[in-house]
N, C-alpha and C. Protein backbone atom coordinates (compact mmCIF):
# COMPACT_ATOMS: atom_id res chain seq x y z
N MET A 1 165.60 96.80 62.01
CA MET A 1 166.14 96.11 60.89
C MET A 1 166.09 94.59 61.19
N GLN A 2 165.75 93.77 60.20
CA GLN A 2 165.66 92.31 60.35
C GLN A 2 167.06 91.72 60.58
N ARG A 3 167.13 90.67 61.40
CA ARG A 3 168.35 89.95 61.56
C ARG A 3 168.57 89.03 60.32
N VAL A 4 169.83 88.80 59.94
CA VAL A 4 170.14 87.97 58.83
C VAL A 4 171.33 87.16 59.16
N ILE A 5 171.60 86.10 58.34
CA ILE A 5 172.81 85.30 58.55
C ILE A 5 173.89 86.05 57.75
N LEU A 6 175.02 86.33 58.42
CA LEU A 6 176.14 86.99 57.75
C LEU A 6 177.31 86.00 57.77
N SER A 7 178.08 86.00 56.71
CA SER A 7 179.21 85.12 56.62
C SER A 7 180.48 85.93 56.47
N GLY A 8 181.47 85.55 57.30
CA GLY A 8 182.75 86.12 57.18
C GLY A 8 183.77 85.13 56.63
N ILE A 9 184.03 85.23 55.37
CA ILE A 9 184.91 84.32 54.67
C ILE A 9 186.27 84.19 55.35
N GLU A 10 186.77 85.26 55.82
CA GLU A 10 188.11 85.21 56.41
C GLU A 10 188.21 84.41 57.71
N LYS A 11 187.02 84.13 58.33
CA LYS A 11 186.98 83.37 59.58
C LYS A 11 186.72 81.89 59.34
N CYS A 12 186.09 81.47 58.26
CA CYS A 12 185.71 80.08 58.06
C CYS A 12 186.92 79.15 58.03
N THR A 13 186.84 78.06 58.82
CA THR A 13 187.94 77.10 58.86
C THR A 13 187.58 75.86 58.00
N GLY A 14 186.36 75.79 57.46
CA GLY A 14 185.95 74.62 56.70
C GLY A 14 185.72 73.44 57.47
N CYS A 15 185.34 73.56 58.75
CA CYS A 15 185.18 72.36 59.65
C CYS A 15 183.98 71.53 59.29
N GLY A 16 182.97 72.10 58.72
CA GLY A 16 181.77 71.42 58.32
C GLY A 16 180.69 71.19 59.43
N ARG A 17 180.95 71.80 60.59
CA ARG A 17 179.96 71.71 61.70
C ARG A 17 178.57 72.29 61.31
N CYS A 18 178.63 73.38 60.55
CA CYS A 18 177.35 74.07 60.15
C CYS A 18 176.57 73.16 59.31
N GLU A 19 177.18 72.47 58.36
CA GLU A 19 176.48 71.57 57.48
C GLU A 19 175.88 70.39 58.22
N LEU A 20 176.67 69.85 59.15
CA LEU A 20 176.23 68.70 59.98
C LEU A 20 175.05 69.06 60.82
N ALA A 21 175.18 70.26 61.46
CA ALA A 21 174.03 70.64 62.41
C ALA A 21 172.82 70.86 61.60
N CYS A 22 172.92 71.58 60.48
CA CYS A 22 171.73 71.82 59.61
C CYS A 22 171.08 70.53 59.16
N SER A 23 171.85 69.62 58.60
CA SER A 23 171.29 68.40 58.12
C SER A 23 170.67 67.57 59.23
N ALA A 24 171.31 67.55 60.40
CA ALA A 24 170.75 66.79 61.54
C ALA A 24 169.39 67.33 61.90
N VAL A 25 169.23 68.63 61.96
CA VAL A 25 167.95 69.28 62.34
C VAL A 25 166.95 69.09 61.23
N LYS A 26 167.30 69.32 59.96
CA LYS A 26 166.35 69.33 58.90
C LYS A 26 166.01 67.99 58.32
N GLU A 27 167.05 67.12 58.34
CA GLU A 27 166.87 65.76 57.73
C GLU A 27 166.86 64.62 58.79
N GLY A 28 167.26 64.89 59.97
CA GLY A 28 167.27 63.87 60.98
C GLY A 28 168.48 62.97 60.91
N ALA A 29 169.48 63.38 60.13
CA ALA A 29 170.67 62.59 59.93
C ALA A 29 171.83 63.51 59.55
N PHE A 30 173.06 63.06 59.81
CA PHE A 30 174.24 63.83 59.41
C PHE A 30 174.39 63.61 57.91
N TRP A 31 173.91 64.57 57.07
CA TRP A 31 173.87 64.37 55.65
C TRP A 31 174.20 65.74 55.00
N PRO A 32 175.48 66.09 55.02
CA PRO A 32 175.88 67.43 54.56
C PRO A 32 175.39 67.84 53.19
N THR A 33 175.19 66.95 52.23
CA THR A 33 174.65 67.36 50.95
C THR A 33 173.25 67.80 51.01
N ARG A 34 172.51 67.48 52.10
CA ARG A 34 171.14 67.92 52.31
C ARG A 34 171.09 69.13 53.23
N SER A 35 172.14 69.68 53.55
CA SER A 35 172.17 70.89 54.42
C SER A 35 171.69 72.09 53.64
N ARG A 36 171.19 73.06 54.36
CA ARG A 36 170.68 74.30 53.70
C ARG A 36 171.84 75.29 53.65
N ILE A 37 173.02 74.98 54.28
CA ILE A 37 174.18 75.84 54.13
C ILE A 37 175.26 74.92 53.58
N HIS A 38 176.10 75.49 52.69
CA HIS A 38 177.12 74.81 52.05
C HIS A 38 178.37 75.58 52.13
N PHE A 39 179.52 74.95 52.16
CA PHE A 39 180.76 75.67 52.02
C PHE A 39 181.69 74.88 51.20
N LEU A 40 182.66 75.56 50.62
CA LEU A 40 183.67 74.98 49.83
C LEU A 40 185.09 75.32 50.36
N ASN A 41 185.92 74.37 50.35
CA ASN A 41 187.34 74.61 50.80
C ASN A 41 188.23 74.82 49.58
N PHE A 42 189.13 75.71 49.72
CA PHE A 42 190.19 76.00 48.76
C PHE A 42 191.47 75.95 49.53
N PRO A 43 191.97 74.70 49.74
CA PRO A 43 193.16 74.48 50.62
C PRO A 43 194.38 75.18 50.11
N ARG A 44 194.56 75.32 48.85
CA ARG A 44 195.84 76.01 48.35
C ARG A 44 195.78 77.50 48.72
N ASP A 45 194.59 78.01 48.90
CA ASP A 45 194.52 79.46 49.26
C ASP A 45 194.30 79.61 50.78
N GLY A 46 194.13 78.45 51.48
CA GLY A 46 193.80 78.59 52.91
C GLY A 46 192.49 79.27 53.15
N LEU A 47 191.51 79.01 52.31
CA LEU A 47 190.27 79.69 52.36
C LEU A 47 189.09 78.72 52.30
N SER A 48 188.06 78.99 53.09
CA SER A 48 186.80 78.23 52.97
C SER A 48 185.70 79.23 52.82
N VAL A 49 184.75 78.96 51.94
CA VAL A 49 183.71 79.89 51.66
C VAL A 49 182.33 79.31 51.97
N PRO A 50 181.69 79.92 52.96
CA PRO A 50 180.32 79.47 53.31
C PRO A 50 179.33 80.06 52.30
N ASN A 51 178.42 79.24 51.81
CA ASN A 51 177.37 79.65 50.92
C ASN A 51 176.02 79.60 51.66
N ILE A 52 175.32 80.64 51.80
CA ILE A 52 174.13 80.71 52.59
C ILE A 52 173.03 81.42 51.76
N CYS A 53 171.80 81.14 52.06
CA CYS A 53 170.68 81.90 51.44
C CYS A 53 170.68 83.31 51.97
N PHE A 54 170.61 84.28 51.08
CA PHE A 54 170.58 85.64 51.53
C PHE A 54 169.16 86.12 51.92
N HIS A 55 168.11 85.35 51.70
CA HIS A 55 166.77 85.75 52.06
C HIS A 55 166.60 87.16 51.46
N CYS A 56 166.80 87.26 50.17
CA CYS A 56 166.87 88.49 49.42
C CYS A 56 165.67 89.44 49.67
N GLU A 57 165.98 90.74 49.55
CA GLU A 57 164.90 91.73 49.76
C GLU A 57 163.84 91.53 48.70
N LYS A 58 164.22 91.28 47.48
CA LYS A 58 163.25 90.93 46.42
C LYS A 58 163.59 89.56 45.96
N PRO A 59 163.11 88.48 46.58
CA PRO A 59 163.60 87.11 46.26
C PRO A 59 163.09 86.67 44.89
N ALA A 60 163.98 86.42 43.97
CA ALA A 60 163.75 85.90 42.70
C ALA A 60 163.01 84.53 42.77
N CYS A 61 163.31 83.73 43.81
CA CYS A 61 162.64 82.44 43.88
C CYS A 61 161.14 82.62 44.11
N ALA A 62 160.78 83.58 44.96
CA ALA A 62 159.39 83.85 45.30
C ALA A 62 158.70 84.40 44.05
N GLU A 63 159.35 85.35 43.37
CA GLU A 63 158.77 85.98 42.20
C GLU A 63 158.50 84.92 41.10
N ALA A 64 159.33 83.95 40.99
CA ALA A 64 159.22 82.93 39.99
C ALA A 64 158.20 81.84 40.26
N CYS A 65 157.79 81.68 41.55
CA CYS A 65 156.88 80.62 41.92
C CYS A 65 155.46 80.91 41.30
N PRO A 66 154.95 80.07 40.47
CA PRO A 66 153.65 80.32 39.87
C PRO A 66 152.46 80.05 40.82
N VAL A 67 152.68 79.41 41.91
CA VAL A 67 151.57 79.10 42.88
C VAL A 67 151.79 79.84 44.22
N ASP A 68 152.68 80.77 44.27
CA ASP A 68 152.95 81.58 45.50
C ASP A 68 153.25 80.71 46.69
N ALA A 69 154.03 79.62 46.51
CA ALA A 69 154.45 78.72 47.57
C ALA A 69 155.64 79.29 48.39
N ILE A 70 156.26 80.34 47.90
CA ILE A 70 157.38 80.91 48.57
C ILE A 70 157.05 82.39 48.98
N SER A 71 157.22 82.61 50.26
CA SER A 71 156.89 83.95 50.73
C SER A 71 157.83 84.35 51.88
N ARG A 72 157.71 85.55 52.38
CA ARG A 72 158.55 85.93 53.51
C ARG A 72 157.68 85.83 54.76
N ASN A 73 158.23 85.29 55.83
CA ASN A 73 157.52 85.12 57.11
C ASN A 73 157.76 86.34 57.97
N ASP A 74 157.22 86.36 59.20
CA ASP A 74 157.30 87.50 60.06
C ASP A 74 158.74 87.85 60.46
N MET A 75 159.60 86.86 60.49
CA MET A 75 161.00 87.12 60.83
C MET A 75 161.83 87.66 59.66
N GLY A 76 161.28 87.68 58.52
CA GLY A 76 161.98 88.10 57.37
C GLY A 76 162.58 86.96 56.57
N ALA A 77 162.37 85.73 56.96
CA ALA A 77 162.91 84.60 56.28
C ALA A 77 162.06 84.29 55.01
N VAL A 78 162.75 83.95 53.89
CA VAL A 78 161.97 83.56 52.68
C VAL A 78 161.78 82.02 52.84
N VAL A 79 160.60 81.60 52.89
CA VAL A 79 160.21 80.22 53.20
C VAL A 79 159.37 79.60 52.18
N VAL A 80 159.42 78.25 52.15
CA VAL A 80 158.61 77.42 51.18
C VAL A 80 157.45 76.80 51.92
N ALA A 81 156.28 76.97 51.44
CA ALA A 81 155.10 76.26 51.94
C ALA A 81 154.97 74.97 51.21
N ARG A 82 155.46 73.85 51.81
CA ARG A 82 155.54 72.55 51.16
C ARG A 82 154.20 72.11 50.65
N ASP A 83 153.13 72.43 51.41
CA ASP A 83 151.77 72.00 50.97
C ASP A 83 151.31 72.68 49.74
N ALA A 84 151.86 73.79 49.36
CA ALA A 84 151.53 74.51 48.15
C ALA A 84 152.48 74.29 46.97
N CYS A 85 153.70 73.81 47.29
CA CYS A 85 154.71 73.63 46.23
C CYS A 85 154.27 72.51 45.29
N THR A 86 154.40 72.79 43.99
CA THR A 86 154.09 71.76 42.99
C THR A 86 155.27 71.09 42.42
N GLY A 87 156.49 71.52 42.81
CA GLY A 87 157.71 70.87 42.35
C GLY A 87 158.07 71.29 40.91
N CYS A 88 157.63 72.45 40.44
CA CYS A 88 157.85 72.87 39.07
C CYS A 88 159.33 73.33 38.85
N ALA A 89 160.07 73.68 39.90
CA ALA A 89 161.46 74.03 39.85
C ALA A 89 161.72 75.41 39.25
N GLU A 90 160.71 76.20 39.12
CA GLU A 90 160.88 77.63 38.63
C GLU A 90 161.76 78.44 39.64
N CYS A 91 161.55 78.11 40.93
CA CYS A 91 162.32 78.85 42.01
C CYS A 91 163.79 78.40 41.89
N VAL A 92 163.99 77.14 41.61
CA VAL A 92 165.42 76.57 41.48
C VAL A 92 166.17 77.31 40.35
N ASN A 93 165.49 77.54 39.24
CA ASN A 93 166.10 78.14 38.10
C ASN A 93 166.24 79.69 38.38
N ALA A 94 165.41 80.23 39.14
CA ALA A 94 165.42 81.70 39.37
C ALA A 94 166.45 82.16 40.40
N CYS A 95 166.77 81.32 41.35
CA CYS A 95 167.68 81.70 42.46
C CYS A 95 169.12 81.95 41.86
N PRO A 96 169.62 83.10 41.89
CA PRO A 96 170.94 83.37 41.33
C PRO A 96 172.15 82.88 42.12
N TYR A 97 171.83 82.32 43.29
CA TYR A 97 172.89 81.84 44.16
C TYR A 97 172.94 80.32 44.36
N GLY A 98 171.95 79.67 43.69
CA GLY A 98 171.87 78.21 43.84
C GLY A 98 171.50 77.69 45.20
N MET A 99 170.72 78.51 45.91
CA MET A 99 170.33 78.10 47.26
C MET A 99 168.92 77.52 47.44
N VAL A 100 168.33 77.23 46.29
CA VAL A 100 167.02 76.51 46.27
C VAL A 100 167.20 75.30 45.38
N TRP A 101 166.69 74.17 45.77
CA TRP A 101 166.82 72.99 45.02
C TRP A 101 165.53 72.16 45.36
N LEU A 102 165.43 71.06 44.56
CA LEU A 102 164.29 70.07 44.83
C LEU A 102 164.79 68.91 45.66
N ASP A 103 164.06 68.54 46.62
CA ASP A 103 164.45 67.42 47.42
C ASP A 103 164.01 66.07 46.83
N ASP A 104 164.12 65.00 47.50
CA ASP A 104 163.72 63.67 47.01
C ASP A 104 162.32 63.56 46.62
N GLU A 105 161.43 64.41 47.21
CA GLU A 105 160.03 64.37 46.95
C GLU A 105 159.64 65.46 45.93
N ALA A 106 160.64 66.01 45.24
CA ALA A 106 160.46 67.04 44.21
C ALA A 106 159.76 68.28 44.75
N MET A 107 160.09 68.67 45.99
CA MET A 107 159.60 69.84 46.61
C MET A 107 160.74 70.82 46.83
N ALA A 108 160.46 72.07 46.62
CA ALA A 108 161.42 73.15 46.82
C ALA A 108 161.98 73.07 48.20
N CYS A 109 163.27 73.29 48.36
CA CYS A 109 163.99 73.22 49.66
C CYS A 109 164.98 74.39 49.75
N LYS A 110 164.99 75.02 50.88
CA LYS A 110 165.91 76.14 51.09
C LYS A 110 165.97 76.41 52.64
N CYS A 111 166.90 77.30 52.98
CA CYS A 111 167.04 77.70 54.37
C CYS A 111 165.81 78.45 54.79
N ASP A 112 165.44 78.20 56.06
CA ASP A 112 164.22 78.88 56.64
C ASP A 112 164.61 79.62 57.97
N LEU A 113 165.88 79.70 58.14
CA LEU A 113 166.48 80.35 59.39
C LEU A 113 166.08 79.61 60.68
N CYS A 114 165.67 78.37 60.53
CA CYS A 114 165.39 77.51 61.71
C CYS A 114 164.43 78.22 62.67
N GLY A 115 163.44 78.88 62.19
CA GLY A 115 162.50 79.61 63.06
C GLY A 115 163.15 80.77 63.91
N GLY A 116 164.21 81.23 63.39
CA GLY A 116 164.85 82.38 64.16
C GLY A 116 166.00 81.97 65.06
N GLU A 117 166.32 80.71 64.99
CA GLU A 117 167.39 80.18 65.82
C GLU A 117 168.31 79.28 64.94
N PRO A 118 169.00 79.83 63.99
CA PRO A 118 169.75 79.00 62.99
C PRO A 118 170.74 78.10 63.66
N GLU A 119 170.59 76.83 63.45
CA GLU A 119 171.53 75.85 64.04
C GLU A 119 172.96 76.00 63.51
N CYS A 120 173.11 76.35 62.27
CA CYS A 120 174.44 76.54 61.68
C CYS A 120 175.21 77.63 62.46
N VAL A 121 174.57 78.67 62.87
CA VAL A 121 175.16 79.69 63.63
C VAL A 121 175.58 79.23 65.04
N LYS A 122 174.72 78.44 65.64
CA LYS A 122 174.93 77.98 67.03
C LYS A 122 176.21 77.19 67.10
N VAL A 123 176.58 76.44 66.09
CA VAL A 123 177.70 75.50 66.18
C VAL A 123 178.99 76.08 65.54
N CYS A 124 178.90 77.27 64.99
CA CYS A 124 180.12 77.81 64.26
C CYS A 124 181.05 78.41 65.31
N GLN A 125 182.13 77.65 65.60
CA GLN A 125 183.11 78.08 66.59
C GLN A 125 183.88 79.34 66.27
N PRO A 126 184.36 79.50 65.06
CA PRO A 126 185.04 80.76 64.80
C PRO A 126 184.20 81.95 64.46
N ASN A 127 182.88 81.75 64.59
CA ASN A 127 181.94 82.86 64.28
C ASN A 127 182.06 83.30 62.88
N ALA A 128 182.27 82.37 61.90
CA ALA A 128 182.27 82.77 60.53
C ALA A 128 180.91 83.02 60.04
N ILE A 129 179.91 82.51 60.71
CA ILE A 129 178.54 82.84 60.32
C ILE A 129 177.85 83.25 61.61
N VAL A 130 177.15 84.38 61.50
CA VAL A 130 176.45 84.94 62.68
C VAL A 130 175.04 85.32 62.22
N TYR A 131 174.11 85.40 63.17
CA TYR A 131 172.78 85.85 62.90
C TYR A 131 172.54 87.08 63.68
N ALA A 132 172.48 88.24 62.96
CA ALA A 132 172.48 89.49 63.65
C ALA A 132 171.87 90.59 62.71
N GLU A 133 171.63 91.71 63.31
CA GLU A 133 171.25 92.89 62.51
C GLU A 133 172.55 93.40 61.92
N PRO A 134 172.61 93.56 60.58
CA PRO A 134 173.87 93.97 60.00
C PRO A 134 174.21 95.40 60.29
N ASP A 135 175.47 95.60 60.65
CA ASP A 135 176.01 96.97 60.85
C ASP A 135 176.45 97.47 59.45
N GLU A 136 177.04 98.66 59.38
CA GLU A 136 177.41 99.22 58.09
C GLU A 136 178.43 98.37 57.40
N ALA A 137 179.43 97.88 58.09
CA ALA A 137 180.49 97.11 57.50
C ALA A 137 179.97 95.77 56.91
N SER A 138 179.12 95.06 57.76
CA SER A 138 178.52 93.80 57.33
C SER A 138 177.54 93.98 56.23
N GLN A 139 176.79 95.09 56.22
CA GLN A 139 175.93 95.35 55.07
C GLN A 139 176.73 95.48 53.75
N LYS A 140 177.88 96.15 53.84
CA LYS A 140 178.70 96.37 52.70
C LYS A 140 179.26 95.02 52.20
N GLU A 141 179.66 94.17 53.13
CA GLU A 141 180.16 92.81 52.82
C GLU A 141 179.08 91.96 52.19
N ARG A 142 177.87 92.05 52.78
CA ARG A 142 176.72 91.28 52.21
C ARG A 142 176.43 91.74 50.84
N ARG A 143 176.34 93.01 50.60
CA ARG A 143 176.13 93.53 49.24
C ARG A 143 177.16 93.05 48.31
N PHE A 144 178.41 93.07 48.71
CA PHE A 144 179.46 92.55 47.90
C PHE A 144 179.31 91.07 47.55
N GLN A 145 178.97 90.27 48.56
CA GLN A 145 178.73 88.88 48.29
C GLN A 145 177.58 88.67 47.35
N MET A 146 176.47 89.43 47.55
CA MET A 146 175.30 89.29 46.73
C MET A 146 175.56 89.69 45.29
N SER A 147 176.56 90.57 45.09
CA SER A 147 176.85 91.06 43.75
C SER A 147 177.51 89.90 42.90
N LYS A 148 177.85 88.78 43.59
CA LYS A 148 178.48 87.68 42.85
C LYS A 148 177.49 86.66 42.28
N GLU A 149 176.23 87.15 42.04
CA GLU A 149 175.16 86.19 41.56
C GLU A 149 175.60 85.53 40.27
N ILE A 150 175.12 84.33 40.16
CA ILE A 150 175.44 83.44 38.94
C ILE A 150 174.06 83.10 38.36
N SER A 151 173.92 83.30 37.03
CA SER A 151 172.60 83.12 36.43
C SER A 151 172.42 81.79 35.75
N GLU A 152 173.49 81.03 35.50
CA GLU A 152 173.26 79.84 34.74
C GLU A 152 173.74 78.60 35.51
N GLY A 153 173.13 77.43 35.29
CA GLY A 153 173.52 76.17 35.95
C GLY A 153 172.58 75.66 37.00
N GLU A 154 172.94 74.43 37.43
CA GLU A 154 172.21 73.84 38.52
C GLU A 154 172.60 74.49 39.84
N PRO A 155 171.80 74.29 40.94
CA PRO A 155 172.16 74.92 42.19
C PRO A 155 173.62 74.69 42.62
N ALA A 156 174.02 73.40 42.61
CA ALA A 156 175.42 73.14 43.06
C ALA A 156 176.46 73.84 42.17
N ASP A 157 176.17 73.94 40.93
CA ASP A 157 177.16 74.65 39.99
C ASP A 157 177.15 76.15 40.34
N LYS A 158 176.00 76.69 40.68
CA LYS A 158 175.94 78.12 41.00
C LYS A 158 176.68 78.40 42.32
N ARG A 159 176.50 77.51 43.31
CA ARG A 159 177.17 77.64 44.54
C ARG A 159 178.75 77.57 44.40
N LEU A 160 179.11 76.62 43.52
CA LEU A 160 180.61 76.51 43.28
C LEU A 160 181.09 77.81 42.64
N ALA A 161 180.39 78.26 41.59
CA ALA A 161 180.81 79.45 40.89
C ALA A 161 180.84 80.63 41.80
N MET A 162 179.87 80.79 42.66
CA MET A 162 179.86 81.90 43.60
C MET A 162 181.03 81.82 44.57
N ALA A 163 181.32 80.62 45.10
CA ALA A 163 182.40 80.42 46.01
C ALA A 163 183.69 80.77 45.33
N ARG A 164 183.85 80.33 44.09
CA ARG A 164 185.08 80.66 43.33
C ARG A 164 185.23 82.13 43.10
N ALA A 165 184.12 82.83 42.82
CA ALA A 165 184.16 84.26 42.56
C ALA A 165 184.54 84.98 43.91
N LEU A 166 183.99 84.55 45.01
CA LEU A 166 184.32 85.12 46.28
C LEU A 166 185.79 84.88 46.65
N ARG A 167 186.23 83.67 46.43
CA ARG A 167 187.63 83.32 46.67
C ARG A 167 188.54 84.23 45.90
N GLU A 168 188.30 84.45 44.63
CA GLU A 168 189.10 85.31 43.81
C GLU A 168 189.16 86.73 44.39
N SER A 169 188.03 87.19 44.85
CA SER A 169 187.94 88.57 45.35
C SER A 169 188.70 88.77 46.63
N TYR A 170 188.91 87.68 47.38
CA TYR A 170 189.69 87.78 48.64
C TYR A 170 191.14 87.52 48.50
N ARG A 171 191.64 87.31 47.33
CA ARG A 171 193.10 87.10 47.11
C ARG A 171 193.82 88.35 47.19
């Protein structure tokens, strides 16, 4: 079975280290809004919700790409070939979780699992995100999280809606 990033909402403290590590590696600067992982804090509930790319079994982003710039690599990561991307944003509209967006150069941008060594996982002190082969319980949790797909809105709006839906389900 392929390794995937799993998130445990009940463990996330909302520290932001995952976003900082990701943006530092991918953008060369601490720029959380350019991170490939996002989380939202709900302080009244004492809950933080990490939003990550699921690298779906049947990725809607790849199916929507008219030039086949999105594919699955040998590790199972759904990745963007920047040299083939035309910036049409079909993948952005297709991702039900808001985890694909266009960068400043109008190229599709998403998590690529850092070549099999996800930086976000390395810095997560409470182990709220892990990179592992899912066991039965984590597969059930992942399926539950994936069931919260949002079909309308911009990527940030979809991430917020998903985080709110997950927060509600954990009350």
